[in-house]
Amino acid sequence: MHTIGVVDAQPLLVLLAEDDEDLRDALAQILEGHGFRVASAVDGQHALDQLGEGVAPCAILLDWMMPRMNGEAFLRARAESTFLSSIPVFVMSATHLPAVGHRIQGFLAKPFAVDELFAMLRRVCDAHCPPRRRLDCLRLTAPNGAA
């Protein structure tokens, strides 16, 4: 069985920005259980700080409603950097439905099924992995369940 986040034995890094500690911990555990490395942030500013310190994720999971810096403010700050703008962002929210487009590559309505999350991550892997690694990215398994 292949894990979702492993490409050529190199775990993919996901930056998870979520202010709800229980949800953040649960999502991190699920992602890590499927081979991803997870960098956790308590809000958008904390996520930007980590990115500024050299964290280079393959994708960002971004809660929309957070203290200090919410999802909208994070996306505005992200747009100022070519490097940050190249990192796919998936917004998670129970209250807001942002338009998917150049700023957001996917949206997850809370509560969401974990397999929805993994389907989005597969698309990112397919689009961003070098072709020789793509087969490993596509041989993915995902659990059923909700987050």
C-alpha atoms as a PDB file:
ATOM      1  CA  MET A   1       0.000   0.000   0.000  1.00  0.00           C
ATOM      2  CA  HIS A   2       1.323   3.453  -0.888  1.00  0.00           C
ATOM      3  CA  THR A   3       0.701   6.373   1.364  1.00  0.00           C
ATOM      4  CA  ILE A   4      -0.772   9.495  -0.109  1.00  0.00           C
ATOM      5  CA  GLY A   5       1.934  11.961   0.818  1.00  0.00           C
ATOM      6  CA  VAL A   6       5.027   9.994  -0.125  1.00  0.00           C
ATOM      7  CA  VAL A   7       6.761  10.649  -3.424  1.00  0.00           C
ATOM      8  CA  ASP A   8       9.999   8.729  -4.024  1.00  0.00           C
ATOM      9  CA  ALA A   9      10.165   8.139  -0.230  1.00  0.00           C
ATOM     10  CA  GLN A  10      10.175  11.900   0.311  1.00  0.00           C
ATOM     11  CA  PRO A  11       7.158  12.963   2.407  1.00  0.00           C
ATOM     12  CA  LEU A  12       5.307  15.954   1.014  1.00  0.00           C
ATOM     13  CA  LEU A  13       4.862  18.912   3.365  1.00  0.00           C
ATOM     14  CA  VAL A  14       1.449  20.494   3.932  1.00  0.00           C
ATOM     15  CA  LEU A  15       1.074  23.769   5.828  1.00  0.00           C
ATOM     16  CA  LEU A  16      -2.112  23.621   7.916  1.00  0.00           C
ATOM     17  CA  ALA A  17      -3.437  26.986   9.144  1.00  0.00           C
ATOM     18  CA  GLU A  18      -6.363  26.329  11.506  1.00  0.00           C
ATOM     19  CA  ASP A  19      -7.186  28.109  14.764  1.00  0.00           C
ATOM     20  CA  ASP A  20      -9.326  25.295  16.217  1.00  0.00           C
ATOM     21  CA  GLU A  21      -6.737  23.251  18.098  1.00  0.00           C
ATOM     22  CA  ASP A  22      -8.761  20.016  18.118  1.00  0.00           C
ATOM     23  CA  LEU A  23      -9.428  20.159  14.366  1.00  0.00           C
ATOM     24  CA  ARG A  24      -5.838  21.195  13.622  1.00  0.00           C
ATOM     25  CA  ASP A  25      -4.504  18.270  15.656  1.00  0.00           C
ATOM     26  CA  ALA A  26      -6.968  15.792  14.099  1.00  0.00           C
ATOM     27  CA  LEU A  27      -6.169  16.889  10.528  1.00  0.00           C
ATOM     28  CA  ALA A  28      -2.434  16.803  11.224  1.00  0.00           C
ATOM     29  CA  GLN A  29      -2.743  13.288  12.616  1.00  0.00           C
ATOM     30  CA  ILE A  30      -4.747  12.119   9.577  1.00  0.00           C
ATOM     31  CA  LEU A  31      -2.274  13.687   7.144  1.00  0.00           C
ATOM     32  CA  GLU A  32       0.747  12.319   8.993  1.00  0.00           C
ATOM     33  CA  GLY A  33      -0.896   8.897   9.103  1.00  0.00           C
ATOM     34  CA  HIS A  34      -0.948   8.942   5.311  1.00  0.00           C
ATOM     35  CA  GLY A  35       2.652   9.931   4.833  1.00  0.00           C
ATOM     36  CA  PHE A  36       2.555  13.727   4.808  1.00  0.00           C
ATOM     37  CA  ARG A  37       4.687  15.984   6.931  1.00  0.00           C
ATOM     38  CA  VAL A  38       2.605  18.761   8.491  1.00  0.00           C
ATOM     39  CA  ALA A  39       3.600  22.244   9.574  1.00  0.00           C
ATOM     40  CA  SER A  40       0.814  23.650  11.760  1.00  0.00           C
ATOM     41  CA  ALA A  41      -0.107  27.303  12.180  1.00  0.00           C
ATOM     42  CA  VAL A  42      -2.677  28.833  14.532  1.00  0.00           C
ATOM     43  CA  ASP A  43      -3.642  31.632  12.121  1.00  0.00           C
ATOM     44  CA  GLY A  44      -2.687  33.272   8.834  1.00  0.00           C
ATOM     45  CA  GLN A  45       0.097  35.371  10.357  1.00  0.00           C
ATOM     46  CA  HIS A  46       1.680  32.325  11.943  1.00  0.00           C
ATOM     47  CA  ALA A  47       1.499  30.589   8.531  1.00  0.00           C
ATOM     48  CA  LEU A  48       3.189  33.573   6.837  1.00  0.00           C
ATOM     49  CA  ASP A  49       5.853  33.611   9.544  1.00  0.00           C
ATOM     50  CA  GLN A  50       6.620  29.931   8.908  1.00  0.00           C
ATOM     51  CA  LEU A  51       6.765  30.499   5.153  1.00  0.00           C
ATOM     52  CA  GLY A  52       9.143  33.406   5.766  1.00  0.00           C
ATOM     53  CA  GLU A  53      11.356  31.115   7.851  1.00  0.00           C
ATOM     54  CA  GLY A  54      11.741  28.704   4.935  1.00  0.00           C
ATOM     55  CA  VAL A  55       8.843  26.276   5.300  1.00  0.00           C
ATOM     56  CA  ALA A  56       8.139  25.222   1.691  1.00  0.00           C
ATOM     57  CA  PRO A  57       4.918  23.183   1.522  1.00  0.00           C
ATOM     58  CA  CYS A  58       3.430  21.485  -1.514  1.00  0.00           C
ATOM     59  CA  ALA A  59       0.020  22.859  -0.436  1.00  0.00           C
ATOM     60  CA  ILE A  60      -1.588  25.102   2.173  1.00  0.00           C
ATOM     61  CA  LEU A  61      -4.803  24.150   3.977  1.00  0.00           C
ATOM     62  CA  LEU A  62      -6.254  27.472   5.127  1.00  0.00           C
ATOM     63  CA  ASP A  63      -9.104  28.029   7.543  1.00  0.00           C
ATOM     64  CA  TRP A  64     -11.076  31.114   6.516  1.00  0.00           C
ATOM     65  CA  MET A  65     -12.130  32.492   9.910  1.00  0.00           C
ATOM     66  CA  MET A  66      -9.113  32.897  12.216  1.00  0.00           C
ATOM     67  CA  PRO A  67      -7.995  35.521  14.728  1.00  0.00           C
ATOM     68  CA  ARG A  68      -5.166  37.968  14.023  1.00  0.00           C
ATOM     69  CA  MET A  69      -5.015  37.162  10.281  1.00  0.00           C
ATOM     70  CA  ASN A  70      -7.937  35.472   8.546  1.00  0.00           C
ATOM     71  CA  GLY A  71      -7.965  33.671   5.214  1.00  0.00           C
ATOM     72  CA  GLU A  72      -8.694  36.779   3.137  1.00  0.00           C
ATOM     73  CA  ALA A  73      -5.821  38.736   4.711  1.00  0.00           C
ATOM     74  CA  PHE A  74      -3.503  35.749   4.226  1.00  0.00           C
ATOM     75  CA  LEU A  75      -4.421  35.541   0.528  1.00  0.00           C
ATOM     76  CA  ARG A  76      -3.773  39.290   0.079  1.00  0.00           C
ATOM     77  CA  ALA A  77      -0.327  38.932   1.683  1.00  0.00           C
ATOM     78  CA  ARG A  78       0.367  35.786  -0.355  1.00  0.00           C
ATOM     79  CA  ALA A  79      -0.432  37.652  -3.589  1.00  0.00           C
ATOM     80  CA  GLU A  80       2.495  40.012  -2.959  1.00  0.00           C
ATOM     81  CA  SER A  81       5.012  37.183  -3.395  1.00  0.00           C
ATOM     82  CA  THR A  82       5.579  35.232  -6.603  1.00  0.00           C
ATOM     83  CA  PHE A  83       6.945  32.300  -4.597  1.00  0.00           C
ATOM     84  CA  LEU A  84       4.006  32.186  -2.165  1.00  0.00           C
ATOM     85  CA  SER A  85       1.506  32.628  -4.989  1.00  0.00           C
ATOM     86  CA  SER A  86       2.849  29.459  -6.588  1.00  0.00           C
ATOM     87  CA  ILE A  87       1.838  27.314  -3.584  1.00  0.00           C
ATOM     88  CA  PRO A  88      -1.681  25.857  -3.987  1.00  0.00           C
ATOM     89  CA  VAL A  89      -4.171  26.936  -1.310  1.00  0.00           C
ATOM     90  CA  PHE A  90      -7.262  25.030  -0.204  1.00  0.00           C
ATOM     91  CA  VAL A  91      -9.710  26.989   1.941  1.00  0.00           C
ATOM     92  CA  MET A  92     -11.681  25.276   4.696  1.00  0.00           C
ATOM     93  CA  SER A  93     -14.749  27.019   6.132  1.00  0.00           C
ATOM     94  CA  ALA A  94     -18.115  26.364   7.717  1.00  0.00           C
ATOM     95  CA  THR A  95     -19.365  29.898   7.034  1.00  0.00           C
ATOM     96  CA  HIS A  96     -17.760  31.293   3.890  1.00  0.00           C
ATOM     97  CA  LEU A  97     -17.774  30.127   0.284  1.00  0.00           C
ATOM     98  CA  PRO A  98     -14.912  31.833  -1.570  1.00  0.00           C
ATOM     99  CA  ALA A  99     -14.674  31.577  -5.327  1.00  0.00           C
ATOM    100  CA  VAL A 100     -12.183  28.984  -6.504  1.00  0.00           C
ATOM    101  CA  GLY A 101      -9.840  30.573  -9.027  1.00  0.00           C
ATOM    102  CA  HIS A 102      -6.336  31.960  -9.280  1.00  0.00           C
ATOM    103  CA  ARG A 103      -6.155  32.671  -5.511  1.00  0.00           C
ATOM    104  CA  ILE A 104      -7.752  29.432  -4.273  1.00  0.00           C
ATOM    105  CA  GLN A 105      -7.307  26.023  -5.853  1.00  0.00           C
ATOM    106  CA  GLY A 106      -9.977  24.268  -3.805  1.00  0.00           C
ATOM    107  CA  PHE A 107     -12.626  24.678  -1.138  1.00  0.00           C
ATOM    108  CA  LEU A 108     -13.707  22.316   1.632  1.00  0.00           C
ATOM    109  CA  ALA A 109     -16.975  23.047   3.438  1.00  0.00           C
ATOM    110  CA  LYS A 110     -16.698  22.079   7.101  1.00  0.00           C
ATOM    111  CA  PRO A 111     -17.436  19.416   8.073  1.00  0.00           C
ATOM    112  CA  PHE A 112     -15.882  17.674   5.083  1.00  0.00           C
ATOM    113  CA  ALA A 113     -15.126  14.096   4.160  1.00  0.00           C
ATOM    114  CA  VAL A 114     -11.441  13.281   4.446  1.00  0.00           C
ATOM    115  CA  ASP A 115     -11.495  11.681   0.995  1.00  0.00           C
ATOM    116  CA  GLU A 116     -12.452  15.119  -0.444  1.00  0.00           C
ATOM    117  CA  LEU A 117      -9.244  16.500   1.051  1.00  0.00           C
ATOM    118  CA  PHE A 118      -7.162  13.672  -0.382  1.00  0.00           C
ATOM    119  CA  ALA A 119      -8.769  14.077  -3.822  1.00  0.00           C
ATOM    120  CA  MET A 120      -7.665  17.729  -3.840  1.00  0.00           C
ATOM    121  CA  LEU A 121      -4.173  16.821  -2.695  1.00  0.00           C
ATOM    122  CA  ARG A 122      -3.956  14.209  -5.505  1.00  0.00           C
ATOM    123  CA  ARG A 123      -4.746  16.942  -8.043  1.00  0.00           C
ATOM    124  CA  VAL A 124      -1.980  19.141  -6.598  1.00  0.00           C
ATOM    125  CA  CYS A 125       0.464  16.265  -6.651  1.00  0.00           C
ATOM    126  CA  ASP A 126      -0.429  15.493 -10.247  1.00  0.00           C
ATOM    127  CA  ALA A 127       0.074  19.099 -11.290  1.00  0.00           C
ATOM    128  CA  HIS A 128       3.253  19.810  -9.327  1.00  0.00           C
ATOM    129  CA  CYS A 129       5.250  16.559  -9.196  1.00  0.00           C
ATOM    130  CA  PRO A 130       7.907  15.935 -11.823  1.00  0.00           C
ATOM    131  CA  PRO A 131       6.621  13.426 -14.423  1.00  0.00           C
ATOM    132  CA  ARG A 132       8.932  10.626 -13.271  1.00  0.00           C
ATOM    133  CA  ARG A 133       7.393  10.833  -9.799  1.00  0.00           C
ATOM    134  CA  ARG A 134       3.804  11.211 -10.935  1.00  0.00           C
ATOM    135  CA  LEU A 135       3.030   7.484 -10.881  1.00  0.00           C
ATOM    136  CA  ASP A 136       3.850   7.295  -7.184  1.00  0.00           C
ATOM    137  CA  CYS A 137       1.675  10.346  -6.562  1.00  0.00           C
ATOM    138  CA  LEU A 138      -1.276   8.781  -8.329  1.00  0.00           C
ATOM    139  CA  ARG A 139      -1.133   5.405  -6.556  1.00  0.00           C
ATOM    140  CA  LEU A 140      -2.991   6.782  -3.591  1.00  0.00           C
ATOM    141  CA  THR A 141      -5.304   5.396  -0.997  1.00  0.00           C
ATOM    142  CA  ALA A 142      -7.541   7.473   1.258  1.00  0.00           C
ATOM    143  CA  PRO A 143      -9.687   6.637   4.257  1.00  0.00           C
ATOM    144  CA  ASN A 144     -13.384   7.342   4.399  1.00  0.00           C
ATOM    145  CA  GLY A 145     -14.573   9.698   7.070  1.00  0.00           C
ATOM    146  CA  ALA A 146     -15.175  13.312   7.914  1.00  0.00           C
ATOM    147  CA  ALA A 147     -13.070  16.019   9.463  1.00  0.00           C
END
